[in-house]
Amino acid sequence: MTGRRTRLFGRVPAARPADQQAAEPVPVMEAERAPDPPAPALTIDALGRKCPIPIIMLAEQIRSVPLGAVVAVLADDPAAYTDIPSWCAMKAQEFVHCQELPRGWALFIRRRL
């Protein structure tokens, strides 16, 4: 996992030899502390689709849910794993949670605008 992904998702990199251990663990984001993902009002199935299609599908369909509702995007493209949280920050939407699936991830976004 890259350094950017570690900062975004709070994942701790693989163990290193004792002489290379980081001084402090990487903090975990609030979105990953959530015990259960919220129930989505809309699920977008973007499995098997490559970037930028999952983002385009999300941008087109997020307006169809009410403010405060959650949209789940199912994606297996590694770019979507980092692009969707970045898109949320750029568009003032709330990235709520990321859940690993047998194939890809379920990314949960709360509509704010």
N, C-alpha and C. Protein backbone atom coordinates (compact mmCIF):
# COMPACT_ATOMS: atom_id res chain seq x y z
N MET A 1 0.84 -1.16 0.00
CA MET A 1 0.00 0.00 0.00
C MET A 1 0.89 1.23 0.00
N THR A 2 0.49 2.23 -0.75
CA THR A 2 1.30 3.43 -0.86
C THR A 2 1.14 4.31 0.38
N GLY A 3 2.04 5.26 0.53
CA GLY A 3 1.96 6.18 1.66
C GLY A 3 0.70 7.01 1.64
N ARG A 4 0.24 7.39 0.44
CA ARG A 4 -0.99 8.18 0.32
C ARG A 4 -2.19 7.37 0.81
N ARG A 5 -2.26 6.12 0.40
CA ARG A 5 -3.36 5.27 0.80
C ARG A 5 -3.34 5.05 2.31
N THR A 6 -2.16 4.94 2.90
CA THR A 6 -2.04 4.77 4.33
C THR A 6 -2.58 5.98 5.05
N ARG A 7 -2.23 7.17 4.56
CA ARG A 7 -2.73 8.40 5.20
C ARG A 7 -4.24 8.53 5.03
N LEU A 8 -4.78 8.15 3.86
CA LEU A 8 -6.20 8.30 3.61
C LEU A 8 -7.04 7.32 4.41
N PHE A 9 -6.57 6.09 4.50
CA PHE A 9 -7.41 5.06 5.09
C PHE A 9 -6.91 4.54 6.43
N GLY A 10 -5.77 5.05 6.92
CA GLY A 10 -5.32 4.69 8.24
C GLY A 10 -4.85 3.26 8.38
N ARG A 11 -4.53 2.61 7.31
CA ARG A 11 -4.07 1.24 7.39
C ARG A 11 -2.60 1.22 7.77
N VAL A 12 -2.22 0.29 8.59
CA VAL A 12 -0.84 0.17 9.01
C VAL A 12 -0.11 -0.71 8.00
N PRO A 13 1.04 -0.27 7.49
CA PRO A 13 1.78 -1.06 6.52
C PRO A 13 2.28 -2.37 7.12
N ALA A 14 2.73 -3.27 6.28
CA ALA A 14 3.26 -4.55 6.72
C ALA A 14 4.40 -4.34 7.71
N ALA A 15 4.61 -5.34 8.57
CA ALA A 15 5.63 -5.23 9.62
C ALA A 15 7.02 -5.04 9.00
N ARG A 16 7.82 -4.24 9.65
CA ARG A 16 9.18 -3.97 9.21
C ARG A 16 10.14 -4.55 10.26
N PRO A 17 11.39 -4.71 9.88
CA PRO A 17 12.38 -5.13 10.88
C PRO A 17 12.43 -4.12 12.02
N ALA A 18 12.87 -4.57 13.20
CA ALA A 18 12.86 -3.74 14.40
C ALA A 18 13.61 -2.43 14.23
N ASP A 19 14.69 -2.44 13.45
CA ASP A 19 15.46 -1.21 13.29
C ASP A 19 14.79 -0.20 12.38
N GLN A 20 13.73 -0.60 11.65
CA GLN A 20 13.02 0.30 10.75
C GLN A 20 11.60 0.60 11.22
N GLN A 21 11.24 0.21 12.43
CA GLN A 21 9.88 0.42 12.94
C GLN A 21 9.57 1.92 13.02
N ALA A 22 8.34 2.27 12.66
CA ALA A 22 7.89 3.66 12.78
C ALA A 22 7.74 4.00 14.25
N ALA A 23 7.99 5.26 14.60
CA ALA A 23 7.91 5.69 15.99
C ALA A 23 6.47 5.63 16.51
N GLU A 24 5.50 6.01 15.68
CA GLU A 24 4.10 6.02 16.10
C GLU A 24 3.26 5.28 15.07
N PRO A 25 2.20 4.61 15.51
CA PRO A 25 1.33 3.96 14.53
C PRO A 25 0.53 4.98 13.74
N VAL A 26 0.11 4.59 12.57
CA VAL A 26 -0.68 5.47 11.72
C VAL A 26 -2.07 5.59 12.34
N PRO A 27 -2.59 6.81 12.52
CA PRO A 27 -3.91 6.95 13.13
C PRO A 27 -5.00 6.41 12.21
N VAL A 28 -6.04 5.88 12.82
CA VAL A 28 -7.17 5.33 12.08
C VAL A 28 -8.22 6.41 11.93
N MET A 29 -8.73 6.56 10.71
CA MET A 29 -9.75 7.58 10.46
C MET A 29 -11.06 7.20 11.14
N GLU A 30 -11.88 8.17 11.46
CA GLU A 30 -13.18 7.93 12.06
C GLU A 30 -14.04 7.01 11.21
N ALA A 31 -13.94 7.14 9.87
CA ALA A 31 -14.77 6.33 8.98
C ALA A 31 -14.47 4.85 9.15
N GLU A 32 -13.23 4.48 9.49
CA GLU A 32 -12.90 3.08 9.64
C GLU A 32 -13.23 2.56 11.03
N ARG A 33 -13.50 3.42 11.98
CA ARG A 33 -13.87 2.98 13.33
C ARG A 33 -15.33 2.58 13.42
N ALA A 34 -16.11 2.97 12.44
CA ALA A 34 -17.54 2.65 12.48
C ALA A 34 -17.73 1.14 12.52
N PRO A 35 -18.48 0.62 13.51
CA PRO A 35 -18.63 -0.83 13.65
C PRO A 35 -19.41 -1.45 12.49
N ASP A 36 -20.46 -0.82 12.06
CA ASP A 36 -21.28 -1.33 10.97
C ASP A 36 -21.53 -0.21 9.97
N PRO A 37 -21.47 -0.53 8.69
CA PRO A 37 -21.77 0.51 7.71
C PRO A 37 -23.25 0.88 7.77
N PRO A 38 -23.58 2.12 7.46
CA PRO A 38 -24.98 2.52 7.46
C PRO A 38 -25.74 1.84 6.33
N ALA A 39 -27.04 1.72 6.49
CA ALA A 39 -27.87 1.11 5.44
C ALA A 39 -27.96 2.09 4.27
N PRO A 40 -27.55 1.67 3.08
CA PRO A 40 -27.57 2.59 1.94
C PRO A 40 -28.97 2.77 1.36
N ALA A 41 -29.26 3.98 0.93
CA ALA A 41 -30.51 4.26 0.23
C ALA A 41 -30.38 3.85 -1.23
N LEU A 42 -29.15 3.78 -1.73
CA LEU A 42 -28.88 3.43 -3.12
C LEU A 42 -27.56 2.67 -3.17
N THR A 43 -27.53 1.59 -3.94
CA THR A 43 -26.30 0.84 -4.16
C THR A 43 -25.96 0.90 -5.64
N ILE A 44 -24.74 1.33 -5.93
CA ILE A 44 -24.25 1.43 -7.30
C ILE A 44 -23.27 0.29 -7.53
N ASP A 45 -23.59 -0.60 -8.45
CA ASP A 45 -22.73 -1.74 -8.74
C ASP A 45 -21.77 -1.37 -9.87
N ALA A 46 -20.53 -1.06 -9.50
CA ALA A 46 -19.51 -0.72 -10.49
C ALA A 46 -18.44 -1.81 -10.55
N LEU A 47 -18.77 -3.00 -10.10
CA LEU A 47 -17.82 -4.12 -10.14
C LEU A 47 -17.48 -4.42 -11.59
N GLY A 48 -16.20 -4.59 -11.87
CA GLY A 48 -15.74 -4.90 -13.21
C GLY A 48 -15.55 -3.67 -14.09
N ARG A 49 -15.87 -2.51 -13.60
CA ARG A 49 -15.72 -1.28 -14.40
C ARG A 49 -14.45 -0.56 -13.97
N LYS A 50 -13.76 -0.02 -14.93
CA LYS A 50 -12.49 0.66 -14.68
C LYS A 50 -12.69 2.16 -14.52
N CYS A 51 -11.72 2.78 -13.89
CA CYS A 51 -11.71 4.22 -13.69
C CYS A 51 -11.83 4.93 -15.03
N PRO A 52 -12.62 5.94 -15.15
CA PRO A 52 -13.34 6.73 -14.16
C PRO A 52 -14.83 6.37 -14.05
N ILE A 53 -15.24 5.24 -14.58
CA ILE A 53 -16.67 4.89 -14.61
C ILE A 53 -17.31 4.85 -13.22
N PRO A 54 -16.68 4.25 -12.16
CA PRO A 54 -17.35 4.29 -10.84
C PRO A 54 -17.63 5.70 -10.34
N ILE A 55 -16.70 6.64 -10.58
CA ILE A 55 -16.90 8.03 -10.17
C ILE A 55 -18.02 8.68 -10.98
N ILE A 56 -18.05 8.41 -12.26
CA ILE A 56 -19.09 8.98 -13.12
C ILE A 56 -20.46 8.45 -12.69
N MET A 57 -20.54 7.15 -12.42
CA MET A 57 -21.82 6.57 -11.97
C MET A 57 -22.27 7.20 -10.65
N LEU A 58 -21.33 7.39 -9.71
CA LEU A 58 -21.65 8.02 -8.44
C LEU A 58 -22.12 9.45 -8.64
N ALA A 59 -21.40 10.22 -9.45
CA ALA A 59 -21.75 11.64 -9.67
C ALA A 59 -23.12 11.78 -10.31
N GLU A 60 -23.47 10.87 -11.21
CA GLU A 60 -24.78 10.95 -11.87
C GLU A 60 -25.92 10.55 -10.94
N GLN A 61 -25.69 9.57 -10.07
CA GLN A 61 -26.79 9.00 -9.30
C GLN A 61 -26.94 9.55 -7.89
N ILE A 62 -25.94 10.24 -7.35
CA ILE A 62 -26.04 10.72 -5.97
C ILE A 62 -27.16 11.75 -5.81
N ARG A 63 -27.50 12.45 -6.89
CA ARG A 63 -28.59 13.44 -6.81
C ARG A 63 -29.96 12.80 -6.67
N SER A 64 -30.05 11.48 -6.90
CA SER A 64 -31.35 10.82 -6.82
C SER A 64 -31.72 10.39 -5.40
N VAL A 65 -30.81 10.58 -4.43
CA VAL A 65 -31.11 10.25 -3.04
C VAL A 65 -31.29 11.54 -2.25
N PRO A 66 -32.07 11.50 -1.18
CA PRO A 66 -32.26 12.72 -0.38
C PRO A 66 -30.99 13.12 0.37
N LEU A 67 -30.92 14.38 0.77
CA LEU A 67 -29.80 14.87 1.58
C LEU A 67 -29.71 14.05 2.85
N GLY A 68 -28.50 13.67 3.22
CA GLY A 68 -28.27 12.88 4.43
C GLY A 68 -28.34 11.38 4.19
N ALA A 69 -28.80 10.96 3.04
CA ALA A 69 -28.89 9.53 2.73
C ALA A 69 -27.52 9.00 2.33
N VAL A 70 -27.35 7.69 2.43
CA VAL A 70 -26.08 7.05 2.14
C VAL A 70 -26.17 6.29 0.82
N VAL A 71 -25.10 6.41 0.03
CA VAL A 71 -24.96 5.69 -1.23
C VAL A 71 -23.80 4.73 -1.07
N ALA A 72 -23.98 3.48 -1.47
CA ALA A 72 -22.90 2.50 -1.45
C ALA A 72 -22.44 2.27 -2.88
N VAL A 73 -21.14 2.32 -3.10
CA VAL A 73 -20.56 2.04 -4.40
C VAL A 73 -19.76 0.75 -4.27
N LEU A 74 -20.12 -0.25 -5.04
CA LEU A 74 -19.38 -1.50 -5.08
C LEU A 74 -18.38 -1.40 -6.22
N ALA A 75 -17.10 -1.52 -5.93
CA ALA A 75 -16.06 -1.36 -6.95
C ALA A 75 -14.91 -2.30 -6.67
N ASP A 76 -14.28 -2.76 -7.75
CA ASP A 76 -13.09 -3.60 -7.60
C ASP A 76 -11.87 -3.00 -8.30
N ASP A 77 -12.01 -1.83 -8.87
CA ASP A 77 -10.89 -1.14 -9.50
C ASP A 77 -10.07 -0.46 -8.40
N PRO A 78 -8.76 -0.75 -8.30
CA PRO A 78 -7.95 -0.12 -7.25
C PRO A 78 -7.99 1.40 -7.26
N ALA A 79 -8.19 2.00 -8.42
CA ALA A 79 -8.26 3.47 -8.49
C ALA A 79 -9.49 3.99 -7.75
N ALA A 80 -10.59 3.27 -7.80
CA ALA A 80 -11.81 3.71 -7.12
C ALA A 80 -11.61 3.76 -5.61
N TYR A 81 -10.76 2.89 -5.08
CA TYR A 81 -10.50 2.82 -3.65
C TYR A 81 -9.95 4.14 -3.12
N THR A 82 -9.15 4.83 -3.92
CA THR A 82 -8.62 6.12 -3.50
C THR A 82 -9.36 7.30 -4.13
N ASP A 83 -9.90 7.10 -5.33
CA ASP A 83 -10.56 8.21 -6.03
C ASP A 83 -11.88 8.61 -5.40
N ILE A 84 -12.65 7.66 -4.90
CA ILE A 84 -13.97 8.00 -4.34
C ILE A 84 -13.83 8.86 -3.09
N PRO A 85 -12.96 8.53 -2.11
CA PRO A 85 -12.78 9.45 -0.98
C PRO A 85 -12.28 10.83 -1.41
N SER A 86 -11.42 10.88 -2.42
CA SER A 86 -10.93 12.18 -2.91
C SER A 86 -12.06 12.96 -3.57
N TRP A 87 -12.89 12.27 -4.35
CA TRP A 87 -14.04 12.92 -4.98
C TRP A 87 -14.97 13.49 -3.92
N CYS A 88 -15.19 12.74 -2.84
CA CYS A 88 -16.05 13.22 -1.76
C CYS A 88 -15.51 14.52 -1.17
N ALA A 89 -14.22 14.59 -0.94
CA ALA A 89 -13.61 15.81 -0.40
C ALA A 89 -13.77 16.97 -1.37
N MET A 90 -13.58 16.73 -2.66
CA MET A 90 -13.70 17.80 -3.66
C MET A 90 -15.13 18.28 -3.82
N LYS A 91 -16.10 17.39 -3.68
CA LYS A 91 -17.50 17.73 -3.91
C LYS A 91 -18.29 17.97 -2.63
N ALA A 92 -17.62 18.07 -1.49
CA ALA A 92 -18.23 18.33 -0.19
C ALA A 92 -19.26 17.27 0.19
N GLN A 93 -18.99 16.03 -0.18
CA GLN A 93 -19.81 14.90 0.27
C GLN A 93 -19.03 14.23 1.40
N GLU A 94 -19.69 13.38 2.18
CA GLU A 94 -19.03 12.75 3.32
C GLU A 94 -18.70 11.30 3.01
N PHE A 95 -17.41 10.96 3.04
CA PHE A 95 -17.00 9.56 2.91
C PHE A 95 -17.19 8.93 4.28
N VAL A 96 -18.06 7.92 4.37
CA VAL A 96 -18.46 7.37 5.65
C VAL A 96 -17.66 6.13 6.04
N HIS A 97 -17.51 5.20 5.12
CA HIS A 97 -16.96 3.90 5.49
C HIS A 97 -16.46 3.17 4.25
N CYS A 98 -15.48 2.32 4.44
CA CYS A 98 -15.02 1.42 3.38
C CYS A 98 -15.01 0.01 3.95
N GLN A 99 -15.68 -0.88 3.27
CA GLN A 99 -15.78 -2.27 3.73
C GLN A 99 -15.21 -3.19 2.66
N GLU A 100 -14.29 -4.06 3.06
CA GLU A 100 -13.71 -5.03 2.12
C GLU A 100 -14.76 -6.07 1.77
N LEU A 101 -14.80 -6.45 0.51
CA LEU A 101 -15.68 -7.49 0.03
C LEU A 101 -14.82 -8.62 -0.53
N PRO A 102 -15.41 -9.80 -0.76
CA PRO A 102 -14.63 -10.86 -1.39
C PRO A 102 -14.02 -10.41 -2.72
N ARG A 103 -14.72 -9.55 -3.41
CA ARG A 103 -14.22 -8.99 -4.67
C ARG A 103 -14.37 -7.48 -4.61
N GLY A 104 -13.32 -6.78 -4.23
CA GLY A 104 -13.36 -5.32 -4.20
C GLY A 104 -13.77 -4.74 -2.87
N TRP A 105 -14.47 -3.61 -2.94
CA TRP A 105 -14.86 -2.87 -1.74
C TRP A 105 -16.28 -2.33 -1.89
N ALA A 106 -16.88 -2.06 -0.75
CA ALA A 106 -18.11 -1.28 -0.69
C ALA A 106 -17.72 0.05 -0.05
N LEU A 107 -17.89 1.12 -0.78
CA LEU A 107 -17.53 2.46 -0.31
C LEU A 107 -18.84 3.22 -0.03
N PHE A 108 -18.97 3.73 1.18
CA PHE A 108 -20.20 4.39 1.60
C PHE A 108 -20.01 5.90 1.66
N ILE A 109 -20.92 6.61 1.00
CA ILE A 109 -20.86 8.06 0.89
C ILE A 109 -22.19 8.64 1.36
N ARG A 110 -22.13 9.67 2.22
CA ARG A 110 -23.34 10.35 2.67
C ARG A 110 -23.50 11.63 1.85
N ARG A 111 -24.67 11.81 1.27
CA ARG A 111 -24.92 13.01 0.47
C ARG A 111 -25.08 14.22 1.39
N ARG A 112 -24.29 15.24 1.15
CA ARG A 112 -24.35 16.47 1.94
C ARG A 112 -24.87 17.65 1.14
N LEU A 113 -24.70 17.65 -0.18
CA LEU A 113 -25.17 18.76 -1.04
C LEU A 113 -26.11 18.26 -2.08
